[in-house]
Amino acid sequence: MPEKKTIEKARQDKREGKAPSTQAGEFVHEEIEHVKEGKHGARSTQQAIAIGLSKARRAGVKLPAPKKGTVSEETRKKAESDSKKGAKGAKKTVSRTRSKATTAALKKEGHAAASKKALSKQAKSAASKRTVAERSAAARRAARTKGPDERSAAAHKAARTRAKKSS
């Protein structure tokens, strides 16, 4: 079950007109924090991200399932079922046995998946799979939903990055 503050942050993102992936990012962030705090572990960074996306879909974030051929059929079906459950609304009772089994399995996993090195590696590999044009378009879309303060901060950060590259 996601924390109340995570659901509230995702709703805030939706009100601000941000993309479903941004809204889902709040749930992914929560999951990474759980691994860091030691609430449970994860076999890999990708597993932690997958758990976060699953929670987001079940919480009602309109995040589409991955396209055919990009992931395994099993993963795609799970994403579709999560979306359906999210659209239906919260179920009243949850299987205590299944919940305990899932938590117990995750507790046996390590916490290295949330290390700075692992997160950095994941971010770089994900970015490298996208073209320059795709990354640029994503940045342009993000700029549209930023307020003046956030836009200014982003411009300063970009200037610092350019200064680092030139020196």
Protein backbone atom coordinates (compact mmCIF):
# COMPACT_ATOMS: atom_id res chain seq x y z
CA MET A 1 0.00 0.00 0.00
CA PRO A 2 1.52 3.37 -1.01
CA GLU A 3 1.96 6.05 1.62
CA LYS A 4 -0.56 8.91 1.77
CA LYS A 5 2.08 11.54 0.97
CA THR A 6 3.07 9.65 -2.20
CA ILE A 7 -0.52 9.51 -3.44
CA GLU A 8 -0.93 13.20 -2.62
CA LYS A 9 2.26 14.11 -4.53
CA ALA A 10 1.07 12.12 -7.55
CA ARG A 11 -2.32 13.88 -7.44
CA GLN A 12 -0.51 17.24 -7.22
CA ASP A 13 1.49 16.31 -10.34
CA LYS A 14 -1.76 15.42 -12.12
CA ARG A 15 -3.32 18.77 -11.16
CA GLU A 16 -0.24 20.54 -12.52
CA GLY A 17 -0.80 18.76 -15.85
CA LYS A 18 2.29 16.59 -15.66
CA ALA A 19 2.63 13.34 -17.60
CA PRO A 20 1.49 10.00 -16.13
CA SER A 21 5.14 8.86 -16.08
CA THR A 22 5.95 11.83 -13.81
CA GLN A 23 3.05 10.93 -11.52
CA ALA A 24 4.28 7.31 -11.44
CA GLY A 25 7.77 8.57 -10.62
CA GLU A 26 6.53 9.47 -7.13
CA PHE A 27 5.72 5.79 -6.47
CA VAL A 28 9.07 4.65 -7.90
CA HIS A 29 10.86 7.17 -5.67
CA GLU A 30 8.96 5.82 -2.64
CA GLU A 31 9.99 2.26 -3.51
CA ILE A 32 13.68 3.23 -3.89
CA GLU A 33 13.45 4.97 -0.48
CA HIS A 34 11.99 1.79 1.07
CA VAL A 35 14.96 -0.23 -0.20
CA LYS A 36 17.38 2.43 1.08
CA GLU A 37 15.70 2.52 4.50
CA GLY A 38 15.83 -1.27 4.74
CA LYS A 39 12.06 -1.85 4.83
CA HIS A 40 12.73 -4.50 2.18
CA GLY A 41 15.27 -5.28 -0.52
CA ALA A 42 15.24 -5.70 -4.28
CA ARG A 43 17.12 -8.01 -6.60
CA SER A 44 17.89 -5.13 -8.94
CA THR A 45 17.11 -1.45 -9.50
CA GLN A 46 14.75 -2.51 -12.30
CA GLN A 47 12.77 -4.65 -9.83
CA ALA A 48 12.35 -1.67 -7.48
CA ILE A 49 11.19 0.46 -10.43
CA ALA A 50 8.75 -2.26 -11.55
CA ILE A 51 7.23 -2.47 -8.05
CA GLY A 52 6.80 1.33 -8.03
CA LEU A 53 5.12 1.35 -11.47
CA SER A 54 2.82 -1.48 -10.40
CA LYS A 55 1.78 0.48 -7.29
CA ALA A 56 1.20 3.58 -9.42
CA ARG A 57 -1.08 1.73 -11.85
CA ARG A 58 -3.02 0.17 -8.96
CA ALA A 59 -3.40 3.63 -7.38
CA GLY A 60 -5.11 4.85 -10.56
CA VAL A 61 -2.28 6.57 -12.47
CA LYS A 62 -3.19 6.29 -16.18
CA LEU A 63 0.13 4.76 -17.18
CA PRO A 64 -0.21 2.57 -20.29
CA ALA A 65 1.17 -0.97 -20.39
CA PRO A 66 4.39 -1.39 -22.40
CA LYS A 67 3.99 -2.04 -26.14
CA LYS A 68 4.13 -5.60 -27.52
CA GLY A 69 7.67 -6.79 -28.12
CA THR A 70 9.34 -4.33 -25.72
CA VAL A 71 8.94 -6.53 -22.63
CA SER A 72 7.88 -10.11 -21.93
CA GLU A 73 4.22 -11.01 -22.44
CA GLU A 74 3.95 -11.83 -18.72
CA THR A 75 5.13 -8.32 -17.73
CA ARG A 76 2.75 -6.68 -20.20
CA LYS A 77 -0.22 -8.72 -18.91
CA LYS A 78 0.68 -7.79 -15.30
CA ALA A 79 0.77 -4.09 -16.25
CA GLU A 80 -2.62 -4.37 -17.96
CA SER A 81 -4.14 -6.13 -14.94
CA ASP A 82 -2.69 -3.47 -12.60
CA SER A 83 -4.26 -0.73 -14.75
CA LYS A 84 -7.64 -2.49 -14.64
CA LYS A 85 -7.44 -2.80 -10.86
CA GLY A 86 -6.55 0.89 -10.59
CA ALA A 87 -9.48 1.92 -12.77
CA LYS A 88 -11.86 -0.20 -10.67
CA GLY A 89 -10.80 1.41 -7.40
CA ALA A 90 -9.31 -0.06 -4.23
CA LYS A 91 -10.32 -3.59 -3.26
CA LYS A 92 -11.68 -3.89 0.27
CA THR A 93 -9.86 -7.03 1.37
CA VAL A 94 -6.39 -8.18 0.41
CA SER A 95 -5.03 -11.70 0.92
CA ARG A 96 -2.98 -11.48 4.12
CA THR A 97 -1.10 -14.69 3.24
CA ARG A 98 -0.02 -13.38 -0.17
CA SER A 99 0.97 -9.98 1.23
CA LYS A 100 3.11 -11.60 3.92
CA ALA A 101 4.75 -13.94 1.40
CA THR A 102 5.64 -11.04 -0.92
CA THR A 103 7.09 -8.98 1.94
CA ALA A 104 9.05 -11.98 3.26
CA ALA A 105 10.52 -12.66 -0.20
CA LEU A 106 11.53 -9.01 -0.64
CA LYS A 107 13.08 -8.86 2.84
CA LYS A 108 15.51 -11.61 1.80
CA GLU A 109 16.84 -9.49 -1.07
CA GLY A 110 19.78 -7.09 -0.75
CA HIS A 111 19.82 -3.30 -0.60
CA ALA A 112 22.52 -2.64 -3.20
CA ALA A 113 19.80 -1.98 -5.81
CA ALA A 114 19.24 1.47 -4.25
CA SER A 115 22.92 2.42 -3.98
CA LYS A 116 24.16 5.59 -5.73
CA LYS A 117 26.21 3.47 -8.13
CA ALA A 118 23.27 1.21 -9.08
CA LEU A 119 20.86 4.13 -9.55
CA SER A 120 23.42 6.01 -11.64
CA LYS A 121 24.05 2.96 -13.82
CA GLN A 122 20.29 2.47 -14.32
CA ALA A 123 19.74 6.14 -15.26
CA LYS A 124 22.63 6.13 -17.74
CA SER A 125 21.57 2.87 -19.40
CA ALA A 126 17.96 4.08 -19.67
CA ALA A 127 19.05 7.41 -21.19
CA SER A 128 21.42 5.72 -23.66
CA LYS A 129 18.51 3.72 -25.10
CA ARG A 130 16.81 6.96 -26.16
CA THR A 131 17.88 9.10 -29.08
CA VAL A 132 19.09 12.69 -28.65
CA ALA A 133 15.85 13.89 -30.29
CA GLU A 134 13.72 11.89 -27.84
CA ARG A 135 15.62 13.25 -24.84
CA SER A 136 15.37 16.80 -26.19
CA ALA A 137 11.60 16.45 -26.81
CA ALA A 138 11.12 15.10 -23.28
CA ALA A 139 12.99 18.11 -21.85
CA ARG A 140 10.83 20.48 -23.92
CA ARG A 141 7.65 18.77 -22.67
CA ALA A 142 8.89 19.00 -19.07
CA ALA A 143 9.63 22.72 -19.47
CA ARG A 144 6.00 23.36 -20.43
CA THR A 145 4.70 22.24 -17.02
CA LYS A 146 7.39 24.01 -14.98
CA GLY A 147 6.60 27.21 -13.13
CA PRO A 148 8.87 30.30 -13.44
CA ASP A 149 10.98 29.36 -10.39
CA GLU A 150 11.55 25.80 -11.58
CA ARG A 151 12.36 27.05 -15.10
CA SER A 152 14.93 29.46 -13.70
CA ALA A 153 16.53 26.72 -11.57
CA ALA A 154 16.67 24.41 -14.61
CA ALA A 155 18.33 27.15 -16.70
CA HIS A 156 20.99 27.68 -13.99
CA LYS A 157 21.63 23.94 -13.83
CA ALA A 158 21.97 23.73 -17.63
CA ALA A 159 24.42 26.65 -17.60
CA ARG A 160 26.53 24.93 -14.93
CA THR A 161 26.52 21.69 -16.95
CA ARG A 162 27.65 23.56 -20.09
CA ALA A 163 30.40 25.30 -18.09
CA LYS A 164 31.63 21.92 -16.79
CA LYS A 165 31.77 20.45 -20.31
CA SER A 166 33.77 23.37 -21.72
CA SER A 167 36.43 23.32 -18.98
